Amino acid sequence: MSSRTISYLIALALLALTPAFGGPAPASASPAGLATTAQATDSSAVSAPSGNEGAAAPADSGAAATSTGSESKETPEVKSESKEGSTSKAESKANAKKSTKKSRTKAAAAAKGTVKRVDTKAAPGTMPVKPDVMPQHVQVQHILIGFTGSVPGKAISRSKEEAKKLAYEVLDQARKGENFDELVRKYTDDSPPGIYGMSGTGVAPAQGEYARDSMVPAFGNVGFSISPGNIGIADYDPAASPFGWHIIKRLK
């Protein structure tokens, strides 16, 4: 075999081996292929968060829904508060009705003379205070408010109702500190100054005194049941106070 033939055979062998060991380089081995692979990797990395974000959206929606649900759960509390408010209003109305009823009852009782008026603006010491020890002697000054026919020898034109109204008005003025002597001169249906000394039951009267039992019962009952400086009232009573209403101030 000639050298040319051998060279030819070697060339054919090389050509046959070229597809196995040679050929173009794969794309991944090239710089461009690495970049593409990197881009693909980056794209998958980016897309993954996008996918997570997409998944997070329902979770957020669920949270919002849960929040909305909790807020809607608070609605019964608001309603219950409204019910409590309604209950409070109902109780307030009921209390107001009770208070009005009590006030009317007191007013009716006062009109019958069973309740004595108390003036919160009274001057110090003018409201009735029971003595610690029952006195044997007292000195009082009084204003008599009579009505038509109640005081012998007095021409009084006012009615019984008018007399009672005037008596409590004078009592209020006296307890507010107005000069009692002036009130006596202005209003009494007795003789000014209207000062009387009384001795207690079973006690001999001192000079110028009257025995308590010789006076109308209501007069002595009030005079001996209050302390010096106090002002009380004896309501009209056909048996105990037949002359009318007595506004009584204890002097001693």
C-alpha atoms as a PDB file:
ATOM      1  CA  MET A   1       0.000   0.000   0.000  1.00  0.00           C
ATOM      2  CA  SER A   2       1.338   3.310  -1.017  1.00  0.00           C
ATOM      3  CA  SER A   3       1.899   6.218   1.323  1.00  0.00           C
ATOM      4  CA  ARG A   4      -0.797   8.166  -0.493  1.00  0.00           C
ATOM      5  CA  THR A   5      -3.318   5.446   0.199  1.00  0.00           C
ATOM      6  CA  ILE A   6      -2.330   5.375   3.855  1.00  0.00           C
ATOM      7  CA  SER A   7      -2.727   9.128   4.109  1.00  0.00           C
ATOM      8  CA  TYR A   8      -6.134   8.843   2.522  1.00  0.00           C
ATOM      9  CA  LEU A   9      -7.291   6.203   4.951  1.00  0.00           C
ATOM     10  CA  ILE A  10      -6.073   8.277   7.905  1.00  0.00           C
ATOM     11  CA  ALA A  11      -8.002  11.268   6.602  1.00  0.00           C
ATOM     12  CA  LEU A  12     -11.162   9.148   6.301  1.00  0.00           C
ATOM     13  CA  ALA A  13     -10.665   7.869   9.849  1.00  0.00           C
ATOM     14  CA  LEU A  14     -10.314  11.403  11.197  1.00  0.00           C
ATOM     15  CA  LEU A  15     -13.431  12.482   9.342  1.00  0.00           C
ATOM     16  CA  ALA A  16     -15.312   9.560  10.837  1.00  0.00           C
ATOM     17  CA  LEU A  17     -14.156  10.420  14.378  1.00  0.00           C
ATOM     18  CA  THR A  18     -14.958  14.149  14.106  1.00  0.00           C
ATOM     19  CA  PRO A  19     -18.770  13.859  15.013  1.00  0.00           C
ATOM     20  CA  ALA A  20     -17.883  11.948  18.210  1.00  0.00           C
ATOM     21  CA  PHE A  21     -15.172  14.244  19.574  1.00  0.00           C
ATOM     22  CA  GLY A  22     -15.614  17.441  17.703  1.00  0.00           C
ATOM     23  CA  GLY A  23     -18.578  19.409  16.468  1.00  0.00           C
ATOM     24  CA  PRO A  24     -19.891  22.744  17.645  1.00  0.00           C
ATOM     25  CA  ALA A  25     -19.767  23.512  21.384  1.00  0.00           C
ATOM     26  CA  PRO A  26     -23.112  23.310  23.235  1.00  0.00           C
ATOM     27  CA  ALA A  27     -24.874  26.589  23.996  1.00  0.00           C
ATOM     28  CA  SER A  28     -24.458  26.103  27.745  1.00  0.00           C
ATOM     29  CA  ALA A  29     -20.694  26.022  27.362  1.00  0.00           C
ATOM     30  CA  SER A  30     -20.604  29.405  25.684  1.00  0.00           C
ATOM     31  CA  PRO A  31     -20.654  32.731  27.633  1.00  0.00           C
ATOM     32  CA  ALA A  32     -23.929  33.560  25.917  1.00  0.00           C
ATOM     33  CA  GLY A  33     -25.377  30.228  27.047  1.00  0.00           C
ATOM     34  CA  LEU A  34     -24.306  30.870  30.651  1.00  0.00           C
ATOM     35  CA  ALA A  35     -25.958  34.256  30.525  1.00  0.00           C
ATOM     36  CA  THR A  36     -29.124  32.699  29.155  1.00  0.00           C
ATOM     37  CA  THR A  37     -29.027  30.032  31.854  1.00  0.00           C
ATOM     38  CA  ALA A  38     -28.460  32.701  34.469  1.00  0.00           C
ATOM     39  CA  GLN A  39     -31.325  34.719  33.063  1.00  0.00           C
ATOM     40  CA  ALA A  40     -33.535  31.638  33.130  1.00  0.00           C
ATOM     41  CA  THR A  41     -32.480  30.997  36.740  1.00  0.00           C
ATOM     42  CA  ASP A  42     -33.084  34.629  37.622  1.00  0.00           C
ATOM     43  CA  SER A  43     -36.442  34.526  35.894  1.00  0.00           C
ATOM     44  CA  SER A  44     -37.468  31.487  37.909  1.00  0.00           C
ATOM     45  CA  ALA A  45     -36.172  33.154  41.070  1.00  0.00           C
ATOM     46  CA  VAL A  46     -38.164  36.289  40.308  1.00  0.00           C
ATOM     47  CA  SER A  47     -41.233  34.409  39.279  1.00  0.00           C
ATOM     48  CA  ALA A  48     -41.198  32.449  42.545  1.00  0.00           C
ATOM     49  CA  PRO A  49     -41.691  35.562  44.654  1.00  0.00           C
ATOM     50  CA  SER A  50     -44.372  36.668  42.201  1.00  0.00           C
ATOM     51  CA  GLY A  51     -46.036  33.368  42.793  1.00  0.00           C
ATOM     52  CA  ASN A  52     -45.668  33.815  46.550  1.00  0.00           C
ATOM     53  CA  GLU A  53     -47.050  37.296  46.342  1.00  0.00           C
ATOM     54  CA  GLY A  54     -49.942  35.977  44.372  1.00  0.00           C
ATOM     55  CA  ALA A  55     -50.471  33.392  47.081  1.00  0.00           C
ATOM     56  CA  ALA A  56     -50.135  36.041  49.762  1.00  0.00           C
ATOM     57  CA  ALA A  57     -52.966  38.046  48.305  1.00  0.00           C
ATOM     58  CA  PRO A  58     -55.632  35.537  49.314  1.00  0.00           C
ATOM     59  CA  ALA A  59     -54.025  35.344  52.768  1.00  0.00           C
ATOM     60  CA  ASP A  60     -54.273  39.126  53.082  1.00  0.00           C
ATOM     61  CA  SER A  61     -57.831  38.952  51.839  1.00  0.00           C
ATOM     62  CA  GLY A  62     -58.498  36.290  54.426  1.00  0.00           C
ATOM     63  CA  ALA A  63     -56.980  38.508  57.120  1.00  0.00           C
ATOM     64  CA  ALA A  64     -59.111  41.381  55.949  1.00  0.00           C
ATOM     65  CA  ALA A  65     -62.108  39.120  55.970  1.00  0.00           C
ATOM     66  CA  THR A  66     -61.214  37.965  59.481  1.00  0.00           C
ATOM     67  CA  SER A  67     -60.831  41.559  60.600  1.00  0.00           C
ATOM     68  CA  THR A  68     -64.141  42.448  59.015  1.00  0.00           C
ATOM     69  CA  GLY A  69     -65.668  39.474  60.729  1.00  0.00           C
ATOM     70  CA  SER A  70     -64.300  40.573  64.087  1.00  0.00           C
ATOM     71  CA  GLU A  71     -65.622  44.039  63.504  1.00  0.00           C
ATOM     72  CA  SER A  72     -68.990  42.640  62.661  1.00  0.00           C
ATOM     73  CA  LYS A  73     -68.774  40.607  65.871  1.00  0.00           C
ATOM     74  CA  GLU A  74     -68.422  43.862  67.760  1.00  0.00           C
ATOM     75  CA  THR A  75     -71.783  44.971  66.398  1.00  0.00           C
ATOM     76  CA  PRO A  76     -73.748  42.977  69.015  1.00  0.00           C
ATOM     77  CA  GLU A  77     -71.734  44.772  71.711  1.00  0.00           C
ATOM     78  CA  VAL A  78     -72.771  48.078  70.205  1.00  0.00           C
ATOM     79  CA  LYS A  79     -76.331  46.846  70.108  1.00  0.00           C
ATOM     80  CA  SER A  80     -76.056  45.674  73.687  1.00  0.00           C
ATOM     81  CA  GLU A  81     -74.711  49.083  74.645  1.00  0.00           C
ATOM     82  CA  SER A  82     -77.674  50.604  72.848  1.00  0.00           C
ATOM     83  CA  LYS A  83     -79.945  48.290  74.819  1.00  0.00           C
ATOM     84  CA  GLU A  84     -78.202  49.321  78.024  1.00  0.00           C
ATOM     85  CA  GLY A  85     -78.641  52.948  76.997  1.00  0.00           C
ATOM     86  CA  SER A  86     -82.318  52.280  76.365  1.00  0.00           C
ATOM     87  CA  THR A  87     -82.588  50.514  79.719  1.00  0.00           C
ATOM     88  CA  SER A  88     -80.886  53.445  81.443  1.00  0.00           C
ATOM     89  CA  LYS A  89     -83.313  55.846  79.780  1.00  0.00           C
ATOM     90  CA  ALA A  90     -86.221  53.680  80.857  1.00  0.00           C
ATOM     91  CA  GLU A  91     -84.889  53.570  84.420  1.00  0.00           C
ATOM     92  CA  SER A  92     -84.370  57.342  84.383  1.00  0.00           C
ATOM     93  CA  LYS A  93     -87.953  57.840  83.236  1.00  0.00           C
ATOM     94  CA  ALA A  94     -89.201  55.460  85.923  1.00  0.00           C
ATOM     95  CA  ASN A  95     -87.149  57.269  88.586  1.00  0.00           C
ATOM     96  CA  ALA A  96     -88.424  60.621  87.328  1.00  0.00           C
ATOM     97  CA  LYS A  97     -92.001  59.359  87.596  1.00  0.00           C
ATOM     98  CA  LYS A  98     -91.349  58.088  91.119  1.00  0.00           C
ATOM     99  CA  SER A  99     -89.775  61.411  92.081  1.00  0.00           C
ATOM    100  CA  THR A 100     -92.739  63.313  90.626  1.00  0.00           C
ATOM    101  CA  LYS A 101     -95.143  61.037  92.464  1.00  0.00           C
ATOM    102  CA  LYS A 102     -93.267  61.558  95.739  1.00  0.00           C
ATOM    103  CA  SER A 103     -93.249  65.321  95.198  1.00  0.00           C
ATOM    104  CA  ARG A 104     -97.003  65.292  94.571  1.00  0.00           C
ATOM    105  CA  THR A 105     -97.536  63.153  97.657  1.00  0.00           C
ATOM    106  CA  LYS A 106     -95.455  65.542  99.766  1.00  0.00           C
ATOM    107  CA  ALA A 107     -97.280  68.528  98.301  1.00  0.00           C
ATOM    108  CA  ALA A 108    -100.632  66.910  99.098  1.00  0.00           C
ATOM    109  CA  ALA A 109     -99.451  66.109 102.631  1.00  0.00           C
ATOM    110  CA  ALA A 110     -98.218  69.680 103.095  1.00  0.00           C
ATOM    111  CA  ALA A 111    -101.581  70.971 101.897  1.00  0.00           C
ATOM    112  CA  LYS A 112    -103.217  68.913 104.643  1.00  0.00           C
ATOM    113  CA  GLY A 113    -100.789  70.296 107.188  1.00  0.00           C
ATOM    114  CA  THR A 114     -99.130  66.913 107.935  1.00  0.00           C
ATOM    115  CA  VAL A 115     -95.687  67.873 106.622  1.00  0.00           C
ATOM    116  CA  LYS A 116     -93.727  70.893 107.774  1.00  0.00           C
ATOM    117  CA  ARG A 117     -91.823  72.790 105.154  1.00  0.00           C
ATOM    118  CA  VAL A 118     -88.054  72.915 105.431  1.00  0.00           C
ATOM    119  CA  ASP A 119     -86.270  75.849 103.866  1.00  0.00           C
ATOM    120  CA  THR A 120     -82.674  75.029 102.991  1.00  0.00           C
ATOM    121  CA  LYS A 121     -81.917  78.766 102.888  1.00  0.00           C
ATOM    122  CA  ALA A 122     -82.870  79.231 106.527  1.00  0.00           C
ATOM    123  CA  ALA A 123     -80.611  81.381 108.652  1.00  0.00           C
ATOM    124  CA  PRO A 124     -78.417  79.469 111.136  1.00  0.00           C
ATOM    125  CA  GLY A 125     -80.225  78.509 114.331  1.00  0.00           C
ATOM    126  CA  THR A 126     -83.734  79.181 113.074  1.00  0.00           C
ATOM    127  CA  MET A 127     -84.705  75.590 112.269  1.00  0.00           C
ATOM    128  CA  PRO A 128     -86.347  73.608 115.118  1.00  0.00           C
ATOM    129  CA  VAL A 129     -83.947  71.668 117.353  1.00  0.00           C
ATOM    130  CA  LYS A 130     -85.316  69.683 120.277  1.00  0.00           C
ATOM    131  CA  PRO A 131     -83.826  70.753 123.635  1.00  0.00           C
ATOM    132  CA  ASP A 132     -81.539  68.249 125.374  1.00  0.00           C
ATOM    133  CA  VAL A 133     -83.539  68.751 128.585  1.00  0.00           C
ATOM    134  CA  MET A 134     -87.189  69.753 128.735  1.00  0.00           C
ATOM    135  CA  PRO A 135     -87.220  73.396 129.980  1.00  0.00           C
ATOM    136  CA  GLN A 136     -89.325  74.435 132.966  1.00  0.00           C
ATOM    137  CA  HIS A 137     -89.727  78.003 131.743  1.00  0.00           C
ATOM    138  CA  VAL A 138     -89.688  79.486 128.248  1.00  0.00           C
ATOM    139  CA  GLN A 139     -90.230  82.868 126.678  1.00  0.00           C
ATOM    140  CA  VAL A 140     -91.634  82.993 123.166  1.00  0.00           C
ATOM    141  CA  GLN A 141     -92.755  85.566 120.637  1.00  0.00           C
ATOM    142  CA  HIS A 142     -95.442  84.672 118.134  1.00  0.00           C
ATOM    143  CA  ILE A 143     -97.264  85.862 115.048  1.00  0.00           C
ATOM    144  CA  LEU A 144    -100.903  84.792 114.848  1.00  0.00           C
ATOM    145  CA  ILE A 145    -102.363  84.372 111.350  1.00  0.00           C
ATOM    146  CA  GLY A 146    -106.124  83.965 111.657  1.00  0.00           C
ATOM    147  CA  PHE A 147    -108.985  83.744 109.187  1.00  0.00           C
ATOM    148  CA  THR A 148    -112.578  84.937 109.123  1.00  0.00           C
ATOM    149  CA  GLY A 149    -114.237  84.168 112.481  1.00  0.00           C
ATOM    150  CA  SER A 150    -111.186  82.490 114.076  1.00  0.00           C
ATOM    151  CA  VAL A 151    -110.122  85.353 116.395  1.00  0.00           C
ATOM    152  CA  PRO A 152    -112.822  86.927 118.575  1.00  0.00           C
ATOM    153  CA  GLY A 153    -113.078  90.692 118.167  1.00  0.00           C
ATOM    154  CA  LYS A 154    -110.919  90.717 115.013  1.00  0.00           C
ATOM    155  CA  ALA A 155    -112.403  91.606 111.651  1.00  0.00           C
ATOM    156  CA  ILE A 156    -110.352  89.274 109.451  1.00  0.00           C
ATOM    157  CA  SER A 157    -111.423  88.923 105.834  1.00  0.00           C
ATOM    158  CA  ARG A 158    -109.005  86.189 104.609  1.00  0.00           C
ATOM    159  CA  SER A 159    -110.143  82.616 104.101  1.00  0.00           C
ATOM    160  CA  LYS A 160    -108.672  79.611 105.846  1.00  0.00           C
ATOM    161  CA  GLU A 161    -106.672  78.670 102.734  1.00  0.00           C
ATOM    162  CA  GLU A 162    -105.353  82.221 102.406  1.00  0.00           C
ATOM    163  CA  ALA A 163    -104.408  82.224 106.090  1.00  0.00           C
ATOM    164  CA  LYS A 164    -102.400  79.026 105.739  1.00  0.00           C
ATOM    165  CA  LYS A 165    -100.579  80.307 102.645  1.00  0.00           C
ATOM    166  CA  LEU A 166     -99.715  83.578 104.380  1.00  0.00           C
ATOM    167  CA  ALA A 167     -98.581  81.779 107.555  1.00  0.00           C
ATOM    168  CA  TYR A 168     -96.002  79.694 105.684  1.00  0.00           C
ATOM    169  CA  GLU A 169     -94.817  82.702 103.713  1.00  0.00           C
ATOM    170  CA  VAL A 170     -94.225  84.573 106.973  1.00  0.00           C
ATOM    171  CA  LEU A 171     -92.500  81.482 108.416  1.00  0.00           C
ATOM    172  CA  ASP A 172     -90.117  81.449 105.429  1.00  0.00           C
ATOM    173  CA  GLN A 173     -89.337  85.132 105.859  1.00  0.00           C
ATOM    174  CA  ALA A 174     -88.674  84.673 109.569  1.00  0.00           C
ATOM    175  CA  ARG A 175     -86.355  81.704 109.007  1.00  0.00           C
ATOM    176  CA  LYS A 176     -84.434  83.599 106.367  1.00  0.00           C
ATOM    177  CA  GLY A 177     -83.475  86.101 109.021  1.00  0.00           C
ATOM    178  CA  GLU A 178     -85.952  88.941 108.589  1.00  0.00           C
ATOM    179  CA  ASN A 179     -86.584  91.021 111.704  1.00  0.00           C
ATOM    180  CA  PHE A 180     -89.127  89.110 113.758  1.00  0.00           C
ATOM    181  CA  ASP A 181     -90.408  92.206 115.565  1.00  0.00           C
ATOM    182  CA  GLU A 182     -91.180  93.816 112.212  1.00  0.00           C
ATOM    183  CA  LEU A 183     -92.975  90.701 111.020  1.00  0.00           C
ATOM    184  CA  VAL A 184     -95.059  90.704 114.204  1.00  0.00           C
ATOM    185  CA  ARG A 185     -96.103  94.304 113.705  1.00  0.00           C
ATOM    186  CA  LYS A 186     -96.928  93.700 110.055  1.00  0.00           C
ATOM    187  CA  TYR A 187     -98.808  90.412 110.158  1.00  0.00           C
ATOM    188  CA  THR A 188    -100.026  89.324 113.604  1.00  0.00           C
ATOM    189  CA  ASP A 189    -103.706  89.136 114.448  1.00  0.00           C
ATOM    190  CA  ASP A 190    -102.724  89.254 118.117  1.00  0.00           C
ATOM    191  CA  SER A 191    -101.353  92.340 119.903  1.00  0.00           C
ATOM    192  CA  PRO A 192     -97.666  93.270 119.255  1.00  0.00           C
ATOM    193  CA  PRO A 193     -95.062  92.495 120.436  1.00  0.00           C
ATOM    194  CA  GLY A 194     -96.668  89.076 121.053  1.00  0.00           C
ATOM    195  CA  ILE A 195     -94.206  87.986 123.745  1.00  0.00           C
ATOM    196  CA  TYR A 196     -95.320  85.420 126.347  1.00  0.00           C
ATOM    197  CA  GLY A 197     -93.583  83.638 129.219  1.00  0.00           C
ATOM    198  CA  MET A 198     -94.770  80.120 130.077  1.00  0.00           C
ATOM    199  CA  SER A 199     -94.044  77.675 132.849  1.00  0.00           C
ATOM    200  CA  GLY A 200     -93.951  73.965 132.196  1.00  0.00           C
ATOM    201  CA  THR A 201     -96.635  71.527 133.194  1.00  0.00           C
ATOM    202  CA  GLY A 202     -96.717  71.230 137.004  1.00  0.00           C
ATOM    203  CA  VAL A 203     -94.302  74.171 137.407  1.00  0.00           C
ATOM    204  CA  ALA A 204     -95.506  77.294 139.220  1.00  0.00           C
ATOM    205  CA  PRO A 205     -95.520  80.319 136.888  1.00  0.00           C
ATOM    206  CA  ALA A 206     -93.030  83.071 137.617  1.00  0.00           C
ATOM    207  CA  GLN A 207     -94.138  86.697 137.678  1.00  0.00           C
ATOM    208  CA  GLY A 208     -95.546  87.684 134.281  1.00  0.00           C
ATOM    209  CA  GLU A 209     -95.735  84.066 133.094  1.00  0.00           C
ATOM    210  CA  TYR A 210     -98.687  81.931 132.065  1.00  0.00           C
ATOM    211  CA  ALA A 211     -99.040  78.302 132.965  1.00  0.00           C
ATOM    212  CA  ARG A 212     -98.558  76.125 129.876  1.00  0.00           C
ATOM    213  CA  ASP A 213    -101.898  74.429 130.482  1.00  0.00           C
ATOM    214  CA  SER A 214    -103.681  77.791 130.365  1.00  0.00           C
ATOM    215  CA  MET A 215    -102.595  78.382 126.756  1.00  0.00           C
ATOM    216  CA  VAL A 216    -103.911  76.598 123.679  1.00  0.00           C
ATOM    217  CA  PRO A 217    -102.116  73.207 123.504  1.00  0.00           C
ATOM    218  CA  ALA A 218    -100.358  73.772 120.172  1.00  0.00           C
ATOM    219  CA  PHE A 219     -98.822  77.026 121.408  1.00  0.00           C
ATOM    220  CA  GLY A 220     -97.114  75.367 124.376  1.00  0.00           C
ATOM    221  CA  ASN A 221     -96.317  72.204 122.427  1.00  0.00           C
ATOM    222  CA  VAL A 222     -94.214  74.171 119.931  1.00  0.00           C
ATOM    223  CA  GLY A 223     -92.736  76.596 122.474  1.00  0.00           C
ATOM    224  CA  PHE A 224     -91.349  73.841 124.705  1.00  0.00           C
ATOM    225  CA  SER A 225     -90.112  71.593 121.864  1.00  0.00           C
ATOM    226  CA  ILE A 226     -87.667  74.051 120.244  1.00  0.00           C
ATOM    227  CA  SER A 227     -84.399  75.627 121.402  1.00  0.00           C
ATOM    228  CA  PRO A 228     -83.691  79.360 121.911  1.00  0.00           C
ATOM    229  CA  GLY A 229     -83.502  81.151 118.543  1.00  0.00           C
ATOM    230  CA  ASN A 230     -85.460  78.425 116.726  1.00  0.00           C
ATOM    231  CA  ILE A 231     -88.652  79.248 114.856  1.00  0.00           C
ATOM    232  CA  GLY A 232     -91.525  76.779 114.558  1.00  0.00           C
ATOM    233  CA  ILE A 233     -95.173  76.788 113.544  1.00  0.00           C
ATOM    234  CA  ALA A 234     -98.351  75.502 115.132  1.00  0.00           C
ATOM    235  CA  ASP A 235    -100.841  74.570 112.417  1.00  0.00           C
ATOM    236  CA  TYR A 236    -104.509  75.389 112.758  1.00  0.00           C
ATOM    237  CA  ASP A 237    -106.468  72.740 114.602  1.00  0.00           C
ATOM    238  CA  PRO A 238    -110.015  73.231 115.971  1.00  0.00           C
ATOM    239  CA  ALA A 239    -108.999  71.678 119.311  1.00  0.00           C
ATOM    240  CA  ALA A 240    -105.238  72.332 119.671  1.00  0.00           C
ATOM    241  CA  SER A 241    -104.950  75.661 117.834  1.00  0.00           C
ATOM    242  CA  PRO A 242    -108.405  77.122 117.174  1.00  0.00           C
ATOM    243  CA  PHE A 243    -107.274  80.721 116.528  1.00  0.00           C
ATOM    244  CA  GLY A 244    -105.305  79.936 113.390  1.00  0.00           C
ATOM    245  CA  TRP A 245    -101.597  79.464 112.634  1.00  0.00           C
ATOM    246  CA  HIS A 246     -98.950  80.522 115.180  1.00  0.00           C
ATOM    247  CA  ILE A 247     -95.411  81.299 113.956  1.00  0.00           C
ATOM    248  CA  ILE A 248     -93.410  80.923 117.173  1.00  0.00           C
ATOM    249  CA  LYS A 249     -89.863  82.025 117.983  1.00  0.00           C
ATOM    250  CA  ARG A 250     -88.339  80.926 121.264  1.00  0.00           C
ATOM    251  CA  LEU A 251     -86.482  83.806 122.880  1.00  0.00           C
ATOM    252  CA  LYS A 252     -85.407  82.136 126.155  1.00  0.00           C
END
